[in-house]
Amino acid sequence: GCGTVHNLPLNEPSANPLAGIVTRAAAAE
C-alpha cells in the first residue's frame, strides 16, 4: 500500500545554459 516514493525534478530547461553564468562571472571579474 505504500506505493512508489519519488522526487520531482527541480531543474529548468535553458536554451543557452551558460549565458547567465558567463554574465555573472564577467561582473565578478
PDB file of all heavy atoms in Angstrom:
ATOM      1  N   GLY A   1       0.790  -1.225   0.000  1.00  0.00           N
ATOM      2  CA  GLY A   1       0.000   0.000   0.000  1.00  0.00           C
ATOM      3  C   GLY A   1       0.816   1.265   0.000  1.00  0.00           C
ATOM      4  O   GLY A   1       0.285   2.351  -0.225  1.00  0.00           O
ATOM      5  N   CYS A   2       2.119   1.140   0.257  1.00  0.00           N
ATOM      6  CA  CYS A   2       2.940   2.349   0.345  1.00  0.00           C
ATOM      7  C   CYS A   2       3.207   2.971  -1.017  1.00  0.00           C
ATOM      8  O   CYS A   2       3.442   4.166  -1.130  1.00  0.00           O
ATOM      9  CB  CYS A   2       4.272   2.033   1.030  1.00  0.00           C
ATOM     10  SG  CYS A   2       4.073   1.650   2.773  1.00  0.00           S
ATOM     11  N   GLY A   3       3.220   2.146  -2.057  1.00  0.00           N
ATOM     12  CA  GLY A   3       3.441   2.683  -3.399  1.00  0.00           C
ATOM     13  C   GLY A   3       4.865   3.133  -3.623  1.00  0.00           C
ATOM     14  O   GLY A   3       5.752   2.932  -2.809  1.00  0.00           O
ATOM     15  N   THR A   4       5.086   3.749  -4.775  1.00  0.00           N
ATOM     16  CA  THR A   4       6.416   4.228  -5.147  1.00  0.00           C
ATOM     17  C   THR A   4       6.662   5.607  -4.560  1.00  0.00           C
ATOM     18  O   THR A   4       5.807   6.491  -4.637  1.00  0.00           O
ATOM     19  CB  THR A   4       6.546   4.293  -6.677  1.00  0.00           C
ATOM     20  OG1 THR A   4       6.329   2.992  -7.217  1.00  0.00           O
ATOM     21  CG2 THR A   4       7.921   4.787  -7.089  1.00  0.00           C
ATOM     22  N   VAL A   5       7.851   5.773  -3.978  1.00  0.00           N
ATOM     23  CA  VAL A   5       8.266   7.074  -3.452  1.00  0.00           C
ATOM     24  C   VAL A   5       9.267   7.664  -4.436  1.00  0.00           C
ATOM     25  O   VAL A   5      10.246   7.015  -4.798  1.00  0.00           O
ATOM     26  CB  VAL A   5       8.910   6.932  -2.065  1.00  0.00           C
ATOM     27  CG1 VAL A   5       9.319   8.298  -1.524  1.00  0.00           C
ATOM     28  CG2 VAL A   5       7.952   6.239  -1.103  1.00  0.00           C
ATOM     29  N   HIS A   6       9.040   8.912  -4.903  1.00  0.00           N
ATOM     30  CA  HIS A   6       9.973   9.510  -5.839  1.00  0.00           C
ATOM     31  C   HIS A   6       9.968  11.021  -5.673  1.00  0.00           C
ATOM     32  O   HIS A   6       9.050  11.608  -5.100  1.00  0.00           O
ATOM     33  CB  HIS A   6       9.621   9.140  -7.284  1.00  0.00           C
ATOM     34  CG  HIS A   6       8.282   9.636  -7.722  1.00  0.00           C
ATOM     35  ND1 HIS A   6       7.118   8.933  -7.500  1.00  0.00           N
ATOM     36  CD2 HIS A   6       7.930  10.774  -8.377  1.00  0.00           C
ATOM     37  CE1 HIS A   6       6.098   9.614  -7.987  1.00  0.00           C
ATOM     38  NE2 HIS A   6       6.555  10.735  -8.518  1.00  0.00           N
ATOM     39  N   ASN A   7      11.027  11.640  -6.177  1.00  0.00           N
ATOM     40  CA  ASN A   7      11.155  13.095  -6.167  1.00  0.00           C
ATOM     41  C   ASN A   7      10.875  13.664  -7.555  1.00  0.00           C
ATOM     42  O   ASN A   7      11.123  12.996  -8.563  1.00  0.00           O
ATOM     43  CB  ASN A   7      12.585  13.495  -5.755  1.00  0.00           C
ATOM     44  CG  ASN A   7      12.877  13.148  -4.306  1.00  0.00           C
ATOM     45  OD1 ASN A   7      12.181  13.593  -3.401  1.00  0.00           O
ATOM     46  ND2 ASN A   7      13.918  12.349  -4.078  1.00  0.00           N
ATOM     47  N   LEU A   8      10.387  14.871  -7.589  1.00  0.00           N
ATOM     48  CA  LEU A   8      10.171  15.569  -8.855  1.00  0.00           C
ATOM     49  C   LEU A   8      11.400  16.422  -9.180  1.00  0.00           C
ATOM     50  O   LEU A   8      12.003  17.012  -8.293  1.00  0.00           O
ATOM     51  CB  LEU A   8       8.933  16.455  -8.773  1.00  0.00           C
ATOM     52  CG  LEU A   8       7.605  15.729  -8.529  1.00  0.00           C
ATOM     53  CD1 LEU A   8       6.482  16.742  -8.348  1.00  0.00           C
ATOM     54  CD2 LEU A   8       7.294  14.776  -9.670  1.00  0.00           C
ATOM     55  N   PRO A   9      11.792  16.492 -10.466  1.00  0.00           N
ATOM     56  CA  PRO A   9      12.948  17.318 -10.821  1.00  0.00           C
ATOM     57  C   PRO A   9      12.658  18.798 -10.611  1.00  0.00           C
ATOM     58  O   PRO A   9      11.557  19.273 -10.869  1.00  0.00           O
ATOM     59  CB  PRO A   9      13.171  17.003 -12.303  1.00  0.00           C
ATOM     60  CG  PRO A   9      11.872  16.448 -12.797  1.00  0.00           C
ATOM     61  CD  PRO A   9      11.222  15.776 -11.625  1.00  0.00           C
ATOM     62  N   LEU A  10      13.670  19.522 -10.132  1.00  0.00           N
ATOM     63  CA  LEU A  10      13.539  20.961  -9.882  1.00  0.00           C
ATOM     64  C   LEU A  10      14.244  21.798 -10.934  1.00  0.00           C
ATOM     65  O   LEU A  10      14.036  23.016 -10.981  1.00  0.00           O
ATOM     66  CB  LEU A  10      14.123  21.308  -8.503  1.00  0.00           C
ATOM     67  CG  LEU A  10      13.459  20.672  -7.284  1.00  0.00           C
ATOM     68  CD1 LEU A  10      14.203  21.082  -6.013  1.00  0.00           C
ATOM     69  CD2 LEU A  10      12.003  21.068  -7.188  1.00  0.00           C
ATOM     70  N   ASN A  11      15.097  21.190 -11.746  1.00  0.00           N
ATOM     71  CA  ASN A  11      15.862  21.988 -12.701  1.00  0.00           C
ATOM     72  C   ASN A  11      15.008  22.415 -13.881  1.00  0.00           C
ATOM     73  O   ASN A  11      14.073  21.725 -14.287  1.00  0.00           O
ATOM     74  CB  ASN A  11      17.092  21.210 -13.191  1.00  0.00           C
ATOM     75  CG  ASN A  11      16.739  19.919 -13.913  1.00  0.00           C
ATOM     76  OD1 ASN A  11      15.951  19.109 -13.424  1.00  0.00           O
ATOM     77  ND2 ASN A  11      17.315  19.726 -15.091  1.00  0.00           N
ATOM     78  N   GLU A  12      15.344  23.577 -14.428  1.00  0.00           N
ATOM     79  CA  GLU A  12      14.582  24.188 -15.521  1.00  0.00           C
ATOM     80  C   GLU A  12      15.354  24.095 -16.836  1.00  0.00           C
ATOM     81  O   GLU A  12      16.589  24.132 -16.849  1.00  0.00           O
ATOM     82  CB  GLU A  12      14.305  25.660 -15.212  1.00  0.00           C
ATOM     83  CG  GLU A  12      13.476  25.897 -13.960  1.00  0.00           C
ATOM     84  CD  GLU A  12      12.033  25.454 -14.121  1.00  0.00           C
ATOM     85  OE1 GLU A  12      11.565  25.383 -15.285  1.00  0.00           O
ATOM     86  OE2 GLU A  12      11.379  25.194 -13.105  1.00  0.00           O
ATOM     87  N   PRO A  13      14.640  23.997 -17.982  1.00  0.00           N
ATOM     88  CA  PRO A  13      15.333  23.995 -19.275  1.00  0.00           C
ATOM     89  C   PRO A  13      15.929  25.362 -19.587  1.00  0.00           C
ATOM     90  O   PRO A  13      15.476  26.385 -19.069  1.00  0.00           O
ATOM     91  CB  PRO A  13      14.224  23.633 -20.261  1.00  0.00           C
ATOM     92  CG  PRO A  13      12.965  24.073 -19.595  1.00  0.00           C
ATOM     93  CD  PRO A  13      13.175  23.880 -18.129  1.00  0.00           C
ATOM     94  N   SER A  14      16.942  25.353 -20.440  1.00  0.00           N
ATOM     95  CA  SER A  14      17.556  26.614 -20.848  1.00  0.00           C
ATOM     96  C   SER A  14      18.056  26.487 -22.277  1.00  0.00           C
ATOM     97  O   SER A  14      18.722  25.510 -22.632  1.00  0.00           O
ATOM     98  CB  SER A  14      18.727  26.971 -19.925  1.00  0.00           C
ATOM     99  OG  SER A  14      19.408  28.113 -20.392  1.00  0.00           O
ATOM    100  N   ALA A  15      17.756  27.483 -23.108  1.00  0.00           N
ATOM    101  CA  ALA A  15      18.235  27.479 -24.480  1.00  0.00           C
ATOM    102  C   ALA A  15      19.732  27.755 -24.554  1.00  0.00           C
ATOM    103  O   ALA A  15      20.423  27.297 -25.455  1.00  0.00           O
ATOM    104  CB  ALA A  15      17.477  28.522 -25.302  1.00  0.00           C
ATOM    105  N   ASN A  16      20.239  28.502 -23.581  1.00  0.00           N
ATOM    106  CA  ASN A  16      21.669  28.821 -23.515  1.00  0.00           C
ATOM    107  C   ASN A  16      22.129  28.658 -22.072  1.00  0.00           C
ATOM    108  O   ASN A  16      22.173  29.632 -21.314  1.00  0.00           O
ATOM    109  CB  ASN A  16      21.926  30.245 -24.015  1.00  0.00           C
ATOM    110  CG  ASN A  16      23.406  30.541 -24.161  1.00  0.00           C
ATOM    111  OD1 ASN A  16      24.252  29.745 -23.764  1.00  0.00           O
ATOM    112  ND2 ASN A  16      23.722  31.703 -24.719  1.00  0.00           N
ATOM    113  N   PRO A  17      22.460  27.446 -21.660  1.00  0.00           N
ATOM    114  CA  PRO A  17      22.708  27.161 -20.241  1.00  0.00           C
ATOM    115  C   PRO A  17      23.851  27.948 -19.617  1.00  0.00           C
ATOM    116  O   PRO A  17      23.869  28.128 -18.397  1.00  0.00           O
ATOM    117  CB  PRO A  17      23.023  25.663 -20.237  1.00  0.00           C
ATOM    118  CG  PRO A  17      22.399  25.128 -21.476  1.00  0.00           C
ATOM    119  CD  PRO A  17      22.518  26.227 -22.483  1.00  0.00           C
ATOM    120  N   LEU A  18      24.793  28.423 -20.422  1.00  0.00           N
ATOM    121  CA  LEU A  18      25.959  29.098 -19.858  1.00  0.00           C
ATOM    122  C   LEU A  18      25.825  30.615 -19.819  1.00  0.00           C
ATOM    123  O   LEU A  18      26.680  31.296 -19.252  1.00  0.00           O
ATOM    124  CB  LEU A  18      27.221  28.731 -20.655  1.00  0.00           C
ATOM    125  CG  LEU A  18      27.591  27.249 -20.696  1.00  0.00           C
ATOM    126  CD1 LEU A  18      28.872  27.057 -21.494  1.00  0.00           C
ATOM    127  CD2 LEU A  18      27.747  26.686 -19.293  1.00  0.00           C
ATOM    128  N   ALA A  19      24.756  31.156 -20.415  1.00  0.00           N
ATOM    129  CA  ALA A  19      24.661  32.611 -20.571  1.00  0.00           C
ATOM    130  C   ALA A  19      24.695  33.337 -19.236  1.00  0.00           C
ATOM    131  O   ALA A  19      25.474  34.275 -19.031  1.00  0.00           O
ATOM    132  CB  ALA A  19      23.384  32.971 -21.338  1.00  0.00           C
ATOM    133  N   GLY A  20      23.836  32.927 -18.291  1.00  0.00           N
ATOM    134  CA  GLY A  20      23.781  33.617 -17.007  1.00  0.00           C
ATOM    135  C   GLY A  20      25.063  33.490 -16.218  1.00  0.00           C
ATOM    136  O   GLY A  20      25.516  34.442 -15.569  1.00  0.00           O
ATOM    137  N   ILE A  21      25.682  32.309 -16.269  1.00  0.00           N
ATOM    138  CA  ILE A  21      26.917  32.082 -15.529  1.00  0.00           C
ATOM    139  C   ILE A  21      28.041  32.934 -16.089  1.00  0.00           C
ATOM    140  O   ILE A  21      28.829  33.532 -15.349  1.00  0.00           O
ATOM    141  CB  ILE A  21      27.277  30.584 -15.569  1.00  0.00           C
ATOM    142  CG1 ILE A  21      26.256  29.802 -14.735  1.00  0.00           C
ATOM    143  CG2 ILE A  21      28.686  30.337 -15.064  1.00  0.00           C
ATOM    144  CD1 ILE A  21      26.362  28.320 -14.875  1.00  0.00           C
ATOM    145  N   VAL A  22      28.131  33.022 -17.420  1.00  0.00           N
ATOM    146  CA  VAL A  22      29.169  33.842 -18.047  1.00  0.00           C
ATOM    147  C   VAL A  22      28.982  35.315 -17.678  1.00  0.00           C
ATOM    148  O   VAL A  22      29.946  36.023 -17.365  1.00  0.00           O
ATOM    149  CB  VAL A  22      29.143  33.652 -19.576  1.00  0.00           C
ATOM    150  CG1 VAL A  22      30.040  34.677 -20.255  1.00  0.00           C
ATOM    151  CG2 VAL A  22      29.577  32.243 -19.946  1.00  0.00           C
ATOM    152  N   THR A  23      27.731  35.770 -17.670  1.00  0.00           N
ATOM    153  CA  THR A  23      27.455  37.171 -17.321  1.00  0.00           C
ATOM    154  C   THR A  23      27.850  37.460 -15.884  1.00  0.00           C
ATOM    155  O   THR A  23      28.484  38.485 -15.585  1.00  0.00           O
ATOM    156  CB  THR A  23      25.961  37.482 -17.518  1.00  0.00           C
ATOM    157  OG1 THR A  23      25.615  37.256 -18.892  1.00  0.00           O
ATOM    158  CG2 THR A  23      25.657  38.925 -17.143  1.00  0.00           C
ATOM    159  N   ARG A  24      27.488  36.539 -14.972  1.00  0.00           N
ATOM    160  CA  ARG A  24      27.841  36.736 -13.569  1.00  0.00           C
ATOM    161  C   ARG A  24      29.348  36.716 -13.370  1.00  0.00           C
ATOM    162  O   ARG A  24      29.900  37.505 -12.610  1.00  0.00           O
ATOM    163  CB  ARG A  24      27.204  35.634 -12.708  1.00  0.00           C
ATOM    164  CG  ARG A  24      25.748  35.854 -12.394  1.00  0.00           C
ATOM    165  CD  ARG A  24      25.442  35.197 -11.070  1.00  0.00           C
ATOM    166  NE  ARG A  24      24.030  35.090 -10.818  1.00  0.00           N
ATOM    167  CZ  ARG A  24      23.515  35.006  -9.598  1.00  0.00           C
ATOM    168  NH1 ARG A  24      24.298  35.011  -8.552  1.00  0.00           N
ATOM    169  NH2 ARG A  24      22.208  34.894  -9.422  1.00  0.00           N
ATOM    170  N   ALA A  25      30.018  35.794 -14.050  1.00  0.00           N
ATOM    171  CA  ALA A  25      31.466  35.686 -13.914  1.00  0.00           C
ATOM    172  C   ALA A  25      32.157  36.943 -14.403  1.00  0.00           C
ATOM    173  O   ALA A  25      33.119  37.423 -13.789  1.00  0.00           O
ATOM    174  CB  ALA A  25      31.971  34.463 -14.670  1.00  0.00           C
ATOM    175  N   ALA A  26      31.664  37.508 -15.514  1.00  0.00           N
ATOM    176  CA  ALA A  26      32.255  38.738 -16.046  1.00  0.00           C
ATOM    177  C   ALA A  26      32.062  39.898 -15.069  1.00  0.00           C
ATOM    178  O   ALA A  26      32.976  40.701 -14.844  1.00  0.00           O
ATOM    179  CB  ALA A  26      31.638  39.069 -17.400  1.00  0.00           C
ATOM    180  N   ALA A  27      30.880  39.957 -14.466  1.00  0.00           N
ATOM    181  CA  ALA A  27      30.622  41.021 -13.492  1.00  0.00           C
ATOM    182  C   ALA A  27      31.513  40.876 -12.268  1.00  0.00           C
ATOM    183  O   ALA A  27      32.066  41.858 -11.753  1.00  0.00           O
ATOM    184  CB  ALA A  27      29.151  41.002 -13.078  1.00  0.00           C
ATOM    185  N   ALA A  28      31.680  39.627 -11.806  1.00  0.00           N
ATOM    186  CA  ALA A  28      32.540  39.380 -10.643  1.00  0.00           C
ATOM    187  C   ALA A  28      33.991  39.728 -10.959  1.00  0.00           C
ATOM    188  O   ALA A  28      34.714  40.260 -10.117  1.00  0.00           O
ATOM    189  CB  ALA A  28      32.418  37.923 -10.214  1.00  0.00           C
ATOM    190  N   GLU A  29      34.428  39.447 -12.200  1.00  0.00           N
ATOM    191  CA  GLU A  29      35.803  39.763 -12.601  1.00  0.00           C
ATOM    192  C   GLU A  29      36.036  41.263 -12.600  1.00  0.00           C
ATOM    193  O   GLU A  29      37.098  41.740 -12.201  1.00  0.00           O
ATOM    194  CB  GLU A  29      36.075  39.171 -13.988  1.00  0.00           C
ATOM    195  CG  GLU A  29      37.487  39.369 -14.475  1.00  0.00           C
ATOM    196  CD  GLU A  29      38.501  38.532 -13.733  1.00  0.00           C
ATOM    197  OE1 GLU A  29      38.101  37.564 -13.059  1.00  0.00           O
ATOM    198  OE2 GLU A  29      39.698  38.852 -13.821  1.00  0.00           O
TER     199      GLU A  29
END
